[in-house]
């Protein structure tokens, strides 16, 4: 493994605030019944979804800026020849 690969793995292993908290995980290996979600859990899921949507929009904005047509170049529908 390269040094960069190790750094990326460390980033994934670090806890991101608000994303996952292992102390909140009360599941067992043989959990057969579904538990009811508390308001705290529902709000946490909503916030996580909002963060994902924001990150997705930011990523799309960067992709459009990187691969979009340069400003002022509308093409006009004419052939390049």
N, C-alpha and C. Protein backbone atom coordinates (compact mmCIF):
# COMPACT_ATOMS: atom_id res chain seq x y z
N UNK A 1 0.84 -1.19 0.00
CA UNK A 1 0.00 0.00 0.00
C UNK A 1 0.88 1.24 0.00
N UNK A 2 0.41 2.23 -0.73
CA UNK A 2 1.13 3.49 -0.77
C UNK A 2 0.77 4.33 0.44
N UNK A 3 1.55 5.34 0.68
CA UNK A 3 1.30 6.24 1.80
C UNK A 3 -0.04 6.94 1.63
N UNK A 4 -0.37 7.35 0.40
CA UNK A 4 -1.65 8.02 0.15
C UNK A 4 -2.82 7.11 0.46
N UNK A 5 -2.69 5.81 0.14
CA UNK A 5 -3.75 4.86 0.42
C UNK A 5 -3.98 4.75 1.92
N UNK A 6 -2.91 4.75 2.69
CA UNK A 6 -3.02 4.65 4.14
C UNK A 6 -3.71 5.89 4.70
N UNK A 7 -3.37 7.07 4.15
CA UNK A 7 -4.01 8.31 4.61
C UNK A 7 -5.50 8.29 4.31
N UNK A 8 -5.89 7.78 3.15
CA UNK A 8 -7.30 7.71 2.79
C UNK A 8 -8.03 6.76 3.73
N UNK A 9 -7.40 5.63 4.05
CA UNK A 9 -8.03 4.69 4.97
C UNK A 9 -8.21 5.30 6.35
N UNK A 10 -7.24 6.08 6.79
CA UNK A 10 -7.36 6.74 8.09
C UNK A 10 -8.52 7.73 8.09
N UNK A 11 -8.72 8.43 6.98
CA UNK A 11 -9.83 9.37 6.89
C UNK A 11 -11.16 8.65 7.02
N UNK A 12 -11.28 7.47 6.42
CA UNK A 12 -12.52 6.72 6.52
C UNK A 12 -12.75 6.16 7.92
N UNK A 13 -11.69 5.90 8.63
CA UNK A 13 -11.83 5.33 9.96
C UNK A 13 -12.12 6.37 11.02
N UNK A 14 -11.80 7.64 10.73
CA UNK A 14 -12.06 8.70 11.69
C UNK A 14 -13.56 8.95 11.78
N UNK A 15 -14.02 9.21 12.98
CA UNK A 15 -15.44 9.48 13.18
C UNK A 15 -15.78 10.88 12.71
N UNK A 16 -16.81 10.98 11.91
CA UNK A 16 -17.29 12.27 11.44
C UNK A 16 -18.44 12.67 12.35
N UNK A 17 -18.35 13.85 12.96
CA UNK A 17 -19.40 14.23 13.90
C UNK A 17 -20.77 14.29 13.22
N UNK A 18 -21.76 13.67 13.86
CA UNK A 18 -23.11 13.68 13.34
C UNK A 18 -23.42 12.57 12.36
N UNK A 19 -22.44 11.80 11.94
CA UNK A 19 -22.71 10.76 10.95
C UNK A 19 -22.96 9.39 11.59
N UNK A 20 -22.11 8.97 12.47
CA UNK A 20 -22.28 7.66 13.08
C UNK A 20 -21.70 7.70 14.48
N UNK A 21 -22.43 7.13 15.40
CA UNK A 21 -21.97 7.05 16.78
C UNK A 21 -22.16 5.62 17.24
N UNK A 22 -21.07 4.89 17.42
CA UNK A 22 -21.17 3.48 17.77
C UNK A 22 -21.78 3.27 19.15
N UNK A 23 -21.72 4.28 20.01
CA UNK A 23 -22.33 4.13 21.33
C UNK A 23 -23.85 4.12 21.24
N UNK A 24 -24.41 4.65 20.14
CA UNK A 24 -25.86 4.63 19.95
C UNK A 24 -26.36 3.32 19.38
N UNK A 25 -25.46 2.47 18.92
CA UNK A 25 -25.84 1.21 18.30
C UNK A 25 -26.16 0.19 19.39
N UNK A 26 -27.43 -0.12 19.54
CA UNK A 26 -27.88 -1.08 20.56
C UNK A 26 -28.31 -2.40 19.94
N UNK A 27 -27.97 -2.63 18.68
CA UNK A 27 -28.40 -3.85 18.01
C UNK A 27 -27.58 -5.05 18.50
N UNK A 28 -28.18 -6.20 18.36
CA UNK A 28 -27.50 -7.45 18.73
C UNK A 28 -27.32 -8.28 17.47
N UNK A 29 -26.58 -9.34 17.58
CA UNK A 29 -26.31 -10.19 16.44
C UNK A 29 -27.58 -10.86 15.94
N UNK A 30 -28.46 -11.18 16.86
CA UNK A 30 -29.68 -11.92 16.51
C UNK A 30 -30.93 -11.06 16.70
N UNK A 31 -30.87 -9.80 16.31
CA UNK A 31 -32.03 -8.91 16.44
C UNK A 31 -33.07 -9.30 15.40
N UNK A 32 -34.19 -9.86 15.86
CA UNK A 32 -35.24 -10.30 14.94
C UNK A 32 -36.39 -9.31 14.88
N UNK A 33 -36.59 -8.56 15.92
CA UNK A 33 -37.69 -7.61 15.95
C UNK A 33 -37.20 -6.23 15.58
N UNK A 34 -38.06 -5.51 14.88
CA UNK A 34 -37.71 -4.13 14.56
C UNK A 34 -38.10 -3.25 15.73
N UNK A 35 -37.21 -2.35 16.07
CA UNK A 35 -37.50 -1.45 17.17
C UNK A 35 -38.12 -0.17 16.62
N UNK A 36 -38.82 0.53 17.46
CA UNK A 36 -39.40 1.81 17.05
C UNK A 36 -38.33 2.88 17.14
N UNK A 37 -38.38 3.78 16.18
CA UNK A 37 -37.40 4.87 16.16
C UNK A 37 -37.86 5.97 17.10
N UNK A 38 -36.92 6.51 17.81
CA UNK A 38 -37.21 7.65 18.68
C UNK A 38 -37.11 8.93 17.87
N UNK A 39 -37.63 10.02 18.41
CA UNK A 39 -37.54 11.31 17.72
C UNK A 39 -36.09 11.72 17.52
N UNK A 40 -35.24 11.40 18.49
CA UNK A 40 -33.82 11.72 18.37
C UNK A 40 -33.20 11.00 17.17
N UNK A 41 -33.55 9.72 17.00
CA UNK A 41 -33.02 8.95 15.88
C UNK A 41 -33.56 9.46 14.55
N UNK A 42 -34.84 9.82 14.52
CA UNK A 42 -35.44 10.34 13.29
C UNK A 42 -34.78 11.66 12.90
N UNK A 43 -34.56 12.54 13.87
CA UNK A 43 -33.90 13.81 13.58
C UNK A 43 -32.48 13.60 13.10
N UNK A 44 -31.78 12.63 13.68
CA UNK A 44 -30.41 12.34 13.26
C UNK A 44 -30.40 11.83 11.82
N UNK A 45 -31.35 10.98 11.46
CA UNK A 45 -31.45 10.48 10.09
C UNK A 45 -31.77 11.61 9.12
N UNK A 46 -32.64 12.53 9.53
CA UNK A 46 -32.99 13.66 8.68
C UNK A 46 -31.77 14.55 8.43
N UNK A 47 -31.00 14.80 9.49
CA UNK A 47 -29.80 15.62 9.36
C UNK A 47 -28.77 14.94 8.45
N UNK A 48 -28.62 13.63 8.61
CA UNK A 48 -27.69 12.89 7.76
C UNK A 48 -28.10 12.98 6.30
N UNK A 49 -29.41 12.88 6.05
CA UNK A 49 -29.91 12.97 4.69
C UNK A 49 -29.67 14.37 4.13
N UNK A 50 -29.86 15.40 4.95
CA UNK A 50 -29.59 16.77 4.51
C UNK A 50 -28.12 16.96 4.16
N UNK A 51 -27.24 16.38 4.97
CA UNK A 51 -25.80 16.48 4.70
C UNK A 51 -25.46 15.79 3.40
N UNK A 52 -26.05 14.61 3.15
CA UNK A 52 -25.79 13.88 1.90
C UNK A 52 -26.26 14.69 0.69
N UNK A 53 -27.44 15.30 0.80
CA UNK A 53 -27.96 16.10 -0.30
C UNK A 53 -27.05 17.30 -0.57
N UNK A 54 -26.59 17.96 0.49
CA UNK A 54 -25.69 19.10 0.33
C UNK A 54 -24.39 18.68 -0.33
N UNK A 55 -23.81 17.55 0.12
CA UNK A 55 -22.56 17.07 -0.47
C UNK A 55 -22.76 16.69 -1.94
N UNK A 56 -23.90 16.10 -2.26
CA UNK A 56 -24.19 15.71 -3.64
C UNK A 56 -24.29 16.96 -4.52
N UNK A 57 -24.99 17.99 -4.06
CA UNK A 57 -25.12 19.22 -4.83
C UNK A 57 -23.76 19.90 -5.02
N UNK A 58 -22.93 19.90 -3.97
CA UNK A 58 -21.61 20.51 -4.07
C UNK A 58 -20.74 19.75 -5.07
N UNK A 59 -20.85 18.43 -5.06
CA UNK A 59 -20.07 17.61 -5.99
C UNK A 59 -20.53 17.86 -7.42
N UNK A 60 -21.86 17.92 -7.64
CA UNK A 60 -22.37 18.19 -8.98
C UNK A 60 -21.97 19.58 -9.47
N UNK A 61 -21.95 20.55 -8.57
CA UNK A 61 -21.55 21.90 -8.93
C UNK A 61 -20.09 21.92 -9.39
N UNK A 62 -19.23 21.19 -8.68
CA UNK A 62 -17.82 21.11 -9.07
C UNK A 62 -17.65 20.41 -10.41
N UNK A 63 -18.43 19.35 -10.63
CA UNK A 63 -18.33 18.61 -11.88
C UNK A 63 -18.80 19.48 -13.04
N UNK A 64 -19.90 20.22 -12.85
CA UNK A 64 -20.39 21.10 -13.91
C UNK A 64 -19.38 22.20 -14.23
N UNK A 65 -18.74 22.73 -13.19
CA UNK A 65 -17.74 23.78 -13.40
C UNK A 65 -16.51 23.22 -14.12
N UNK A 66 -16.17 21.99 -13.82
CA UNK A 66 -14.97 21.40 -14.40
C UNK A 66 -15.18 20.95 -15.84
N UNK A 67 -16.34 20.35 -16.12
CA UNK A 67 -16.56 19.75 -17.43
C UNK A 67 -17.55 20.51 -18.30
N UNK A 68 -18.13 21.59 -17.80
CA UNK A 68 -19.09 22.36 -18.58
C UNK A 68 -18.42 23.15 -19.68
N UNK A 69 -19.26 23.70 -20.56
CA UNK A 69 -18.73 24.50 -21.66
C UNK A 69 -18.18 25.81 -21.10
N UNK A 70 -17.09 26.30 -21.68
CA UNK A 70 -16.53 27.57 -21.22
C UNK A 70 -17.53 28.70 -21.44
N UNK A 71 -17.50 29.72 -20.60
CA UNK A 71 -18.45 30.83 -20.76
C UNK A 71 -18.24 31.56 -22.08
N UNK A 72 -19.35 31.96 -22.72
CA UNK A 72 -19.28 32.68 -23.97
C UNK A 72 -19.17 31.78 -25.19
N UNK A 73 -19.13 30.50 -24.99
CA UNK A 73 -19.02 29.56 -26.10
C UNK A 73 -20.34 28.82 -26.23
N UNK A 74 -21.26 29.38 -27.03
CA UNK A 74 -22.56 28.75 -27.16
C UNK A 74 -22.61 27.76 -28.32
N UNK A 75 -21.66 27.81 -29.19
CA UNK A 75 -21.59 26.87 -30.29
C UNK A 75 -22.42 27.29 -31.48
N UNK A 76 -23.61 27.80 -31.26
CA UNK A 76 -24.45 28.27 -32.34
C UNK A 76 -24.96 27.18 -33.26
N UNK A 77 -24.70 25.93 -32.96
CA UNK A 77 -25.19 24.84 -33.78
C UNK A 77 -24.45 24.67 -35.10
N UNK A 78 -23.35 25.35 -35.29
CA UNK A 78 -22.61 25.25 -36.55
C UNK A 78 -21.57 24.14 -36.45
N UNK A 79 -21.24 23.60 -37.60
CA UNK A 79 -20.22 22.58 -37.68
C UNK A 79 -18.84 23.21 -37.44
N UNK A 80 -17.87 22.48 -36.89
CA UNK A 80 -16.54 23.06 -36.64
C UNK A 80 -15.73 23.26 -37.92
N UNK A 81 -16.20 22.78 -39.08
CA UNK A 81 -15.41 22.87 -40.33
C UNK A 81 -15.89 24.01 -41.17
